[in-house]
N, C-alpha and C. Protein backbone atom coordinates (compact mmCIF):
# COMPACT_ATOMS: atom_id res chain seq x y z
N MET A 1 -33.83 18.01 -9.01
CA MET A 1 -33.95 16.66 -9.22
C MET A 1 -33.72 15.98 -7.88
N ARG A 2 -32.78 17.54 -6.64
CA ARG A 2 -33.01 16.97 -5.44
C ARG A 2 -34.26 17.17 -4.87
N TYR A 3 -35.19 17.51 -5.12
CA TYR A 3 -36.54 17.89 -4.67
C TYR A 3 -37.07 16.31 -5.11
N ILE A 4 -37.08 15.91 -6.03
CA ILE A 4 -37.19 14.30 -6.43
C ILE A 4 -36.62 13.47 -5.61
N ALA A 5 -35.34 13.59 -5.88
CA ALA A 5 -34.31 12.77 -4.72
C ALA A 5 -34.96 12.37 -3.30
N ALA A 6 -35.66 13.58 -2.60
CA ALA A 6 -35.67 13.96 -1.39
C ALA A 6 -37.06 13.02 -1.38
N THR A 7 -38.18 13.25 -2.12
CA THR A 7 -39.09 12.44 -2.33
C THR A 7 -38.88 11.12 -2.15
N VAL A 8 -38.01 10.54 -3.17
CA VAL A 8 -37.69 9.21 -3.69
C VAL A 8 -37.39 8.56 -2.26
N ALA A 9 -36.28 9.46 -1.28
CA ALA A 9 -35.77 9.05 0.06
C ALA A 9 -36.80 8.91 0.75
N VAL A 10 -38.08 9.95 1.38
CA VAL A 10 -39.32 9.30 2.03
C VAL A 10 -40.00 8.94 1.31
N THR A 11 -40.34 8.36 0.38
CA THR A 11 -41.24 7.42 -0.15
C THR A 11 -40.34 5.85 0.25
N SER A 12 -39.25 5.79 0.44
CA SER A 12 -37.99 4.47 0.38
C SER A 12 -38.29 3.84 1.91
N ALA A 13 -38.71 5.10 3.14
CA ALA A 13 -39.21 4.63 4.56
C ALA A 13 -40.42 4.25 4.46
N LEU A 14 -41.33 3.99 3.53
CA LEU A 14 -42.39 3.28 3.80
C LEU A 14 -42.68 1.62 4.00
N ALA A 15 -43.64 1.03 4.72
CA ALA A 15 -43.42 -0.24 4.75
C ALA A 15 -44.78 -1.19 4.17
N GLY A 16 -45.39 -1.88 3.02
CA GLY A 16 -46.15 -2.64 3.11
C GLY A 16 -47.06 -3.68 2.04
N CYS A 17 -47.73 -4.04 1.36
CA CYS A 17 -49.07 -4.75 0.60
C CYS A 17 -48.66 -6.29 0.03
N ALA A 18 -50.43 -7.36 0.02
CA ALA A 18 -50.48 -8.52 -0.84
C ALA A 18 -52.00 -9.00 -0.14
N VAL A 19 -52.01 -10.38 -0.99
CA VAL A 19 -53.02 -11.33 -0.68
C VAL A 19 -54.50 -10.52 -1.61
N ALA A 20 -55.01 -11.65 -2.66
CA ALA A 20 -55.77 -11.46 -3.28
C ALA A 20 -57.34 -11.51 -2.52
N GLY A 21 -58.38 -11.36 -3.53
CA GLY A 21 -59.56 -11.72 -2.87
C GLY A 21 -60.67 -10.84 -2.99
N THR A 22 -61.96 -10.86 -2.83
CA THR A 22 -63.07 -10.13 -2.99
C THR A 22 -62.95 -9.02 -2.04
N PRO A 23 -63.13 -7.80 -2.99
CA PRO A 23 -63.49 -6.84 -1.77
C PRO A 23 -65.03 -6.71 -1.06
N THR A 24 -65.28 -7.01 0.28
CA THR A 24 -66.02 -6.97 1.28
C THR A 24 -66.39 -6.12 2.22
N SER A 25 -65.70 -5.44 2.37
CA SER A 25 -65.38 -4.66 3.93
C SER A 25 -64.93 -5.61 4.87
N ALA A 26 -64.69 -6.24 4.45
CA ALA A 26 -64.40 -7.41 5.97
C ALA A 26 -63.30 -6.74 6.84
N PRO A 27 -62.91 -7.35 7.72
CA PRO A 27 -62.11 -6.90 8.99
C PRO A 27 -60.74 -7.13 8.34
N VAL A 28 -60.42 -6.31 8.60
CA VAL A 28 -58.75 -6.06 7.91
C VAL A 28 -57.68 -7.53 8.99
N THR A 29 -57.53 -8.73 8.12
CA THR A 29 -56.92 -9.60 9.26
C THR A 29 -55.34 -9.09 8.95
N ASP A 30 -54.30 -9.48 10.24
CA ASP A 30 -53.33 -9.24 10.47
C ASP A 30 -52.14 -10.11 9.29
N GLU A 31 -52.64 -10.98 8.50
CA GLU A 31 -52.07 -11.48 7.78
C GLU A 31 -52.20 -10.61 6.31
N TRP A 32 -53.30 -10.00 5.92
CA TRP A 32 -53.37 -9.20 4.83
C TRP A 32 -52.99 -7.80 5.66
N ARG A 33 -52.57 -7.28 6.49
CA ARG A 33 -51.94 -6.01 7.08
C ARG A 33 -50.72 -6.68 6.71
N GLU A 34 -49.64 -7.49 7.10
CA GLU A 34 -48.54 -7.62 7.50
C GLU A 34 -48.15 -7.92 5.62
N ALA A 35 -49.12 -8.55 4.68
CA ALA A 35 -48.81 -8.49 3.44
C ALA A 35 -48.59 -6.85 2.98
N VAL A 36 -49.50 -6.37 3.19
CA VAL A 36 -49.65 -5.03 3.01
C VAL A 36 -48.22 -4.08 2.66
N PHE A 37 -47.79 -4.45 4.02
CA PHE A 37 -46.59 -3.76 4.62
C PHE A 37 -45.17 -4.10 3.80
N ASP A 38 -45.11 -5.48 3.49
CA ASP A 38 -44.22 -6.04 2.94
C ASP A 38 -44.47 -5.58 1.39
N ALA A 39 -45.33 -5.24 1.18
CA ALA A 39 -45.50 -4.81 -0.50
C ALA A 39 -44.68 -3.47 -0.48
N VAL A 40 -45.51 -2.68 0.52
CA VAL A 40 -45.25 -1.24 0.55
C VAL A 40 -43.19 -1.05 0.74
N ALA A 41 -43.19 -2.02 1.40
CA ALA A 41 -41.55 -2.08 1.63
C ALA A 41 -40.98 -2.51 0.55
N GLY A 42 -41.42 -3.30 -0.33
CA GLY A 42 -40.87 -3.36 -1.48
C GLY A 42 -40.86 -2.34 -2.58
N LEU A 43 -41.72 -1.74 -2.32
CA LEU A 43 -42.12 -0.35 -3.17
C LEU A 43 -40.90 1.01 -3.15
N GLY A 44 -40.47 0.79 -1.88
CA GLY A 44 -39.66 1.50 -1.25
C GLY A 44 -37.90 1.02 -1.80
N ALA A 45 -38.00 0.06 -1.71
CA ALA A 45 -36.87 -0.31 -2.06
C ALA A 45 -36.85 -0.22 -3.37
N GLN A 46 -37.43 -0.60 -3.97
CA GLN A 46 -37.97 -0.24 -5.92
C GLN A 46 -37.69 1.31 -5.94
N MET A 47 -37.74 2.15 -5.11
CA MET A 47 -37.38 3.67 -5.29
C MET A 47 -35.82 3.88 -4.84
N GLY A 48 -35.29 3.28 -4.26
CA GLY A 48 -33.75 3.31 -3.67
C GLY A 48 -32.72 4.37 -5.01
N PRO A 49 -32.78 2.45 -5.91
CA PRO A 49 -31.65 2.84 -7.32
C PRO A 49 -32.31 4.18 -7.92
N ILE A 50 -33.51 4.61 -8.17
CA ILE A 50 -34.11 5.80 -8.88
C ILE A 50 -33.35 6.73 -7.88
N GLY A 51 -33.39 7.25 -6.66
CA GLY A 51 -32.58 7.91 -6.00
C GLY A 51 -31.25 8.09 -6.21
N ASP A 52 -30.31 6.86 -6.25
CA ASP A 52 -29.20 6.76 -6.58
C ASP A 52 -28.77 7.32 -8.09
N ALA A 53 -29.47 7.27 -8.81
CA ALA A 53 -29.53 7.34 -10.11
C ALA A 53 -29.41 9.13 -10.42
N MET A 54 -30.51 9.68 -9.22
CA MET A 54 -30.60 10.90 -9.71
C MET A 54 -29.58 11.89 -8.79
N VAL A 55 -29.09 11.56 -7.66
CA VAL A 55 -27.91 11.92 -7.32
C VAL A 55 -26.94 11.35 -7.22
N THR A 56 -26.17 11.45 -8.21
CA THR A 56 -25.07 10.54 -8.02
C THR A 56 -23.75 11.04 -7.08
N HIS A 57 -22.62 10.81 -7.07
CA HIS A 57 -21.49 11.51 -6.08
C HIS A 57 -20.60 12.33 -6.53
N ASP A 58 -20.93 12.89 -8.55
CA ASP A 58 -20.39 13.93 -8.86
C ASP A 58 -21.77 14.82 -9.48
N HIS A 59 -22.96 14.69 -8.85
CA HIS A 59 -24.10 15.61 -9.10
C HIS A 59 -24.47 15.35 -10.52
N VAL A 60 -24.08 14.43 -11.19
CA VAL A 60 -24.74 14.08 -12.65
C VAL A 60 -25.60 12.90 -12.83
N THR A 61 -26.77 13.42 -13.30
CA THR A 61 -28.03 12.23 -13.21
C THR A 61 -27.78 10.93 -14.46
N ASN A 62 -27.30 10.06 -13.73
CA ASN A 62 -26.61 8.57 -14.57
C ASN A 62 -28.64 8.13 -15.29
N TYR A 63 -28.73 8.80 -16.15
CA TYR A 63 -30.10 8.77 -17.01
C TYR A 63 -30.32 7.04 -17.27
N THR A 64 -29.00 6.35 -17.62
CA THR A 64 -29.13 4.82 -18.02
C THR A 64 -30.11 4.27 -16.98
N ALA A 65 -29.27 3.88 -15.89
CA ALA A 65 -29.03 3.70 -14.48
C ALA A 65 -30.91 4.31 -14.33
N MET A 66 -31.33 5.23 -14.05
CA MET A 66 -32.30 6.15 -13.35
C MET A 66 -33.76 5.43 -14.64
N HIS A 67 -33.44 5.19 -15.92
CA HIS A 67 -34.40 4.48 -16.77
C HIS A 67 -34.46 2.87 -16.50
N ASN A 68 -33.78 2.38 -16.41
CA ASN A 68 -33.76 0.68 -15.87
C ASN A 68 -34.01 0.61 -14.83
N ALA A 69 -33.75 1.66 -13.47
CA ALA A 69 -34.75 1.65 -12.08
C ALA A 69 -35.95 1.52 -12.48
N CYS A 70 -36.70 2.57 -13.39
CA CYS A 70 -37.94 2.99 -13.22
C CYS A 70 -38.84 2.16 -14.23
N THR A 71 -38.06 1.28 -15.18
CA THR A 71 -38.65 -0.16 -16.01
C THR A 71 -39.12 -0.79 -14.86
N ASP A 72 -37.69 -0.82 -14.27
CA ASP A 72 -37.99 -1.96 -12.73
C ASP A 72 -39.04 -1.50 -11.54
N LEU A 73 -39.24 -0.36 -11.70
CA LEU A 73 -40.76 0.10 -10.80
C LEU A 73 -41.86 -0.33 -11.26
N ARG A 74 -42.16 -0.01 -12.79
CA ARG A 74 -42.84 0.10 -13.57
C ARG A 74 -43.66 -1.69 -12.78
N GLY A 75 -42.58 -2.70 -13.28
CA GLY A 75 -42.91 -4.06 -13.30
C GLY A 75 -43.37 -4.52 -11.96
N TYR A 76 -42.64 -4.05 -11.04
CA TYR A 76 -42.91 -4.14 -9.45
C TYR A 76 -44.42 -3.77 -8.83
N VAL A 77 -44.86 -2.15 -10.05
CA VAL A 77 -46.07 -2.22 -9.59
C VAL A 77 -47.17 -2.68 -10.15
N ASP A 78 -46.63 -3.39 -10.75
CA ASP A 78 -47.91 -4.16 -11.86
C ASP A 78 -48.02 -5.44 -11.06
N ALA A 79 -47.02 -5.84 -10.46
CA ALA A 79 -46.80 -7.03 -9.73
C ALA A 79 -47.44 -6.85 -8.87
N MET A 80 -47.23 -5.66 -7.96
CA MET A 80 -47.44 -5.36 -6.35
C MET A 80 -49.44 -5.71 -6.45
N GLN A 81 -50.01 -4.97 -7.40
CA GLN A 81 -51.31 -4.88 -7.89
C GLN A 81 -51.77 -5.85 -7.96
N THR A 82 -51.13 -7.40 -8.79
CA THR A 82 -51.78 -8.72 -8.63
C THR A 82 -51.82 -9.39 -7.76
N LYS A 83 -50.86 -8.99 -6.59
CA LYS A 83 -50.76 -9.36 -5.39
C LYS A 83 -51.34 -8.83 -3.98
N VAL A 84 -52.03 -8.06 -4.24
CA VAL A 84 -52.81 -7.18 -3.05
C VAL A 84 -53.86 -6.56 -2.81
N LEU A 85 -54.33 -6.59 -4.42
CA LEU A 85 -55.66 -6.36 -4.77
C LEU A 85 -56.76 -7.18 -5.78
N PRO A 86 -57.49 -7.28 -5.18
CA PRO A 86 -58.42 -6.33 -3.46
C PRO A 86 -58.25 -6.87 -2.67
N GLY A 87 -57.85 -6.66 -1.57
CA GLY A 87 -58.27 -6.80 -0.36
C GLY A 87 -59.44 -7.16 0.50
N PRO A 88 -59.45 -7.16 1.56
CA PRO A 88 -61.02 -7.55 2.28
C PRO A 88 -61.24 -6.18 2.89
N ASP A 89 -60.89 -4.76 2.53
CA ASP A 89 -61.29 -3.56 3.10
C ASP A 89 -61.29 -2.54 1.53
N VAL A 90 -62.31 -2.10 0.95
CA VAL A 90 -62.54 -0.97 0.02
C VAL A 90 -62.26 0.18 0.02
N LYS A 91 -61.97 0.52 1.36
CA LYS A 91 -61.23 2.12 1.72
C LYS A 91 -59.99 1.77 1.29
N ILE A 92 -59.45 0.80 2.06
CA ILE A 92 -57.69 0.58 1.66
C ILE A 92 -57.38 0.38 0.56
N ASN A 93 -58.39 -0.69 -0.40
CA ASN A 93 -58.04 -0.82 -1.53
C ASN A 93 -58.03 0.26 -2.56
N ASP A 94 -58.69 1.24 -1.97
CA ASP A 94 -58.95 2.28 -3.18
C ASP A 94 -58.04 3.43 -3.00
N ALA A 95 -57.26 3.45 -1.89
CA ALA A 95 -55.90 4.11 -1.09
C ALA A 95 -54.77 3.64 -1.99
N LEU A 96 -54.81 1.98 -2.16
CA LEU A 96 -53.63 1.06 -2.41
C LEU A 96 -53.82 1.35 -4.17
N GLN A 97 -54.67 1.14 -4.54
CA GLN A 97 -54.62 1.76 -6.05
C GLN A 97 -54.38 2.78 -6.48
N GLY A 98 -54.90 3.88 -5.78
CA GLY A 98 -54.59 5.37 -5.95
C GLY A 98 -52.52 5.29 -5.95
N GLY A 99 -52.33 4.81 -5.02
CA GLY A 99 -50.79 4.87 -5.10
C GLY A 99 -50.18 4.11 -5.98
N ILE A 100 -50.75 3.05 -6.49
CA ILE A 100 -50.12 1.81 -7.08
C ILE A 100 -50.10 2.71 -8.61
N ASP A 101 -51.48 3.54 -8.84
CA ASP A 101 -51.44 4.23 -9.85
C ASP A 101 -50.50 5.20 -10.50
N GLY A 102 -49.99 5.84 -9.41
CA GLY A 102 -49.43 6.70 -9.29
C GLY A 102 -48.02 6.60 -9.41
N PHE A 103 -47.96 5.68 -8.63
CA PHE A 103 -45.86 4.87 -9.20
C PHE A 103 -46.17 4.88 -10.65
N ARG A 104 -47.09 3.90 -10.97
CA ARG A 104 -46.81 3.45 -12.04
C ARG A 104 -47.05 4.78 -13.39
N SER A 105 -47.75 5.74 -13.23
CA SER A 105 -47.61 6.91 -13.80
C SER A 105 -46.10 7.72 -13.64
N MET A 106 -45.53 7.77 -11.98
CA MET A 106 -43.95 8.27 -12.18
C MET A 106 -43.05 7.53 -12.81
N ALA A 107 -43.38 5.87 -12.57
CA ALA A 107 -42.15 5.36 -13.42
C ALA A 107 -42.18 5.35 -15.03
N ASP A 108 -43.13 5.84 -15.45
CA ASP A 108 -43.84 6.34 -16.82
C ASP A 108 -43.04 7.59 -17.49
N GLN A 109 -43.24 8.31 -16.27
CA GLN A 109 -42.68 9.92 -17.19
C GLN A 109 -41.07 9.71 -16.67
N CYS A 110 -40.73 8.90 -15.47
CA CYS A 110 -38.93 8.82 -15.06
C CYS A 110 -38.55 8.25 -16.60
N VAL A 111 -39.37 7.66 -16.96
CA VAL A 111 -38.48 6.69 -18.55
C VAL A 111 -38.39 7.63 -18.95
N ALA A 112 -39.08 8.24 -19.47
CA ALA A 112 -38.81 9.55 -20.35
C ALA A 112 -37.93 10.75 -20.23
N LEU A 113 -37.57 11.08 -18.84
CA LEU A 113 -36.85 11.92 -18.53
C LEU A 113 -35.16 11.78 -19.48
N THR A 114 -35.11 13.13 -19.92
CA THR A 114 -33.85 13.52 -20.52
C THR A 114 -32.82 14.37 -19.96
N PRO A 115 -31.82 14.81 -20.14
CA PRO A 115 -31.32 15.62 -19.80
C PRO A 115 -31.86 17.36 -20.28
N ALA A 116 -32.08 17.01 -21.05
CA ALA A 116 -33.20 18.42 -22.12
C ALA A 116 -34.45 18.42 -20.92
N ASN A 117 -34.73 17.68 -20.18
CA ASN A 117 -36.38 18.18 -19.90
C ASN A 117 -36.51 19.28 -19.23
N SER A 118 -37.34 20.11 -19.56
CA SER A 118 -38.23 21.21 -18.57
C SER A 118 -37.87 21.16 -16.87
N SER A 119 -38.03 22.53 -16.42
CA SER A 119 -38.37 22.04 -15.02
C SER A 119 -39.91 21.54 -14.98
N ARG A 120 -40.43 21.97 -15.95
CA ARG A 120 -42.23 22.07 -15.60
C ARG A 120 -42.70 20.30 -15.97
N ARG A 121 -41.62 19.36 -16.23
CA ARG A 121 -41.84 17.80 -16.64
C ARG A 121 -41.45 17.36 -15.24
N LEU A 122 -40.03 17.74 -14.97
CA LEU A 122 -39.52 17.35 -13.41
C LEU A 122 -40.45 18.34 -12.55
N ASP A 123 -41.18 19.10 -12.43
CA ASP A 123 -42.02 19.60 -11.15
C ASP A 123 -43.53 18.13 -11.58
N LYS A 124 -43.88 18.26 -12.99
CA LYS A 124 -45.10 17.20 -12.79
C LYS A 124 -44.51 15.64 -12.11
N LEU A 125 -43.20 15.25 -12.04
CA LEU A 125 -42.48 14.17 -11.81
C LEU A 125 -43.11 14.28 -10.55
N ALA A 126 -42.18 15.25 -9.60
CA ALA A 126 -42.70 14.95 -8.54
C ALA A 126 -43.95 15.20 -7.84
N ARG A 127 -44.96 16.01 -8.57
CA ARG A 127 -46.51 16.13 -8.04
C ARG A 127 -46.74 14.45 -8.11
N THR A 128 -46.73 14.18 -9.19
CA THR A 128 -46.99 12.39 -9.13
C THR A 128 -46.62 11.56 -8.44
N MET A 129 -45.68 11.86 -7.81
CA MET A 129 -44.79 11.13 -6.78
C MET A 129 -45.24 11.35 -5.45
N ASP A 130 -45.67 12.85 -5.20
CA ASP A 130 -46.24 13.21 -4.16
C ASP A 130 -47.37 12.80 -3.74
N GLU A 131 -48.45 12.57 -4.68
CA GLU A 131 -49.75 12.07 -4.84
C GLU A 131 -49.59 10.65 -4.80
N ALA A 132 -48.54 10.28 -5.05
CA ALA A 132 -48.58 8.60 -4.93
C ALA A 132 -48.41 8.16 -3.58
N ASP A 133 -47.45 8.56 -2.83
CA ASP A 133 -47.00 9.25 -1.84
C ASP A 133 -47.98 8.95 -0.74
N LYS A 134 -48.62 9.88 -0.82
CA LYS A 134 -49.90 10.13 -0.25
C LYS A 134 -50.71 9.40 -0.13
N HIS A 135 -51.39 8.33 -1.43
CA HIS A 135 -52.03 7.24 -1.04
C HIS A 135 -51.69 6.40 -0.68
N ILE A 136 -50.29 5.80 -0.63
CA ILE A 136 -49.68 4.91 0.17
C ILE A 136 -49.74 5.24 1.58
N LYS A 137 -49.40 6.05 2.14
CA LYS A 137 -49.73 6.44 3.07
C LYS A 137 -51.17 6.62 3.89
N ASP A 138 -51.89 7.14 3.04
CA ASP A 138 -53.30 7.05 3.65
C ASP A 138 -53.88 5.61 3.89
N ALA A 139 -53.18 4.87 3.00
CA ALA A 139 -53.73 3.50 3.22
C ALA A 139 -52.88 2.60 4.58
N ILE A 140 -51.73 3.20 4.38
CA ILE A 140 -50.84 2.36 5.85
C ILE A 140 -51.55 2.94 7.49
N LYS A 141 -52.19 4.29 6.68
CA LYS A 141 -52.72 4.97 8.19
C LYS A 141 -54.04 4.02 8.34
N MET A 142 -54.66 3.87 7.22
CA MET A 142 -56.17 3.25 7.73
C MET A 142 -55.95 1.70 8.02
N LEU A 143 -54.59 1.22 8.03
CA LEU A 143 -54.25 -0.14 8.75
C LEU A 143 -53.92 0.29 9.99
N ASN A 144 -53.87 1.33 10.83
CA ASN A 144 -53.59 1.75 11.81
C ASN A 144 -51.94 1.46 12.26
N ALA A 145 -51.01 2.30 11.18
CA ALA A 145 -50.01 1.92 11.43
C ALA A 145 -49.10 3.67 11.58
N ALA A 146 -48.23 3.45 11.70
CA ALA A 146 -47.50 4.58 12.10
C ALA A 146 -46.47 5.10 10.62
N VAL A 147 -47.04 6.37 10.15
CA VAL A 147 -46.24 6.79 9.01
C VAL A 147 -45.21 7.72 9.26
N PRO A 148 -44.05 7.24 8.80
CA PRO A 148 -43.13 8.61 8.85
C PRO A 148 -43.46 9.85 8.64
N LYS A 149 -42.85 10.94 9.10
CA LYS A 149 -43.59 12.51 8.58
C LYS A 149 -42.48 12.72 7.60
N ASN A 150 -42.77 13.42 6.66
CA ASN A 150 -41.83 13.87 5.52
C ASN A 150 -40.75 15.03 6.37
């Protein structure tokens, strides 16, 4: 769980996404870039309560709070997708879609976690989160922004 919480913390440091349109590989505008940063920042904010529920002051995972936060994350990534995709750049769209799909899968896996979960399920959750995080960071890099190092 600590590894997952650390990954959540790293993801929370990211920033941004938004704006609908037809993907034409047009130049990325400052407006769309800022919209992307805002959406990813919102994604990071959604991850905070998940990490808080996983690593409480008494080191006991609060599964009810975690399930609620993961359900909220699922709703956020669904809304994020409709707000930011498609944007003007196909490659950035692909990276964002990979991240959105990954965080959606992570939220679904997270809601299913129980105190009896095997380390294999927890490892799968961590891998899903890492892959989703990588896609989002790739999109941010394509937008010529600095990405925090792990």
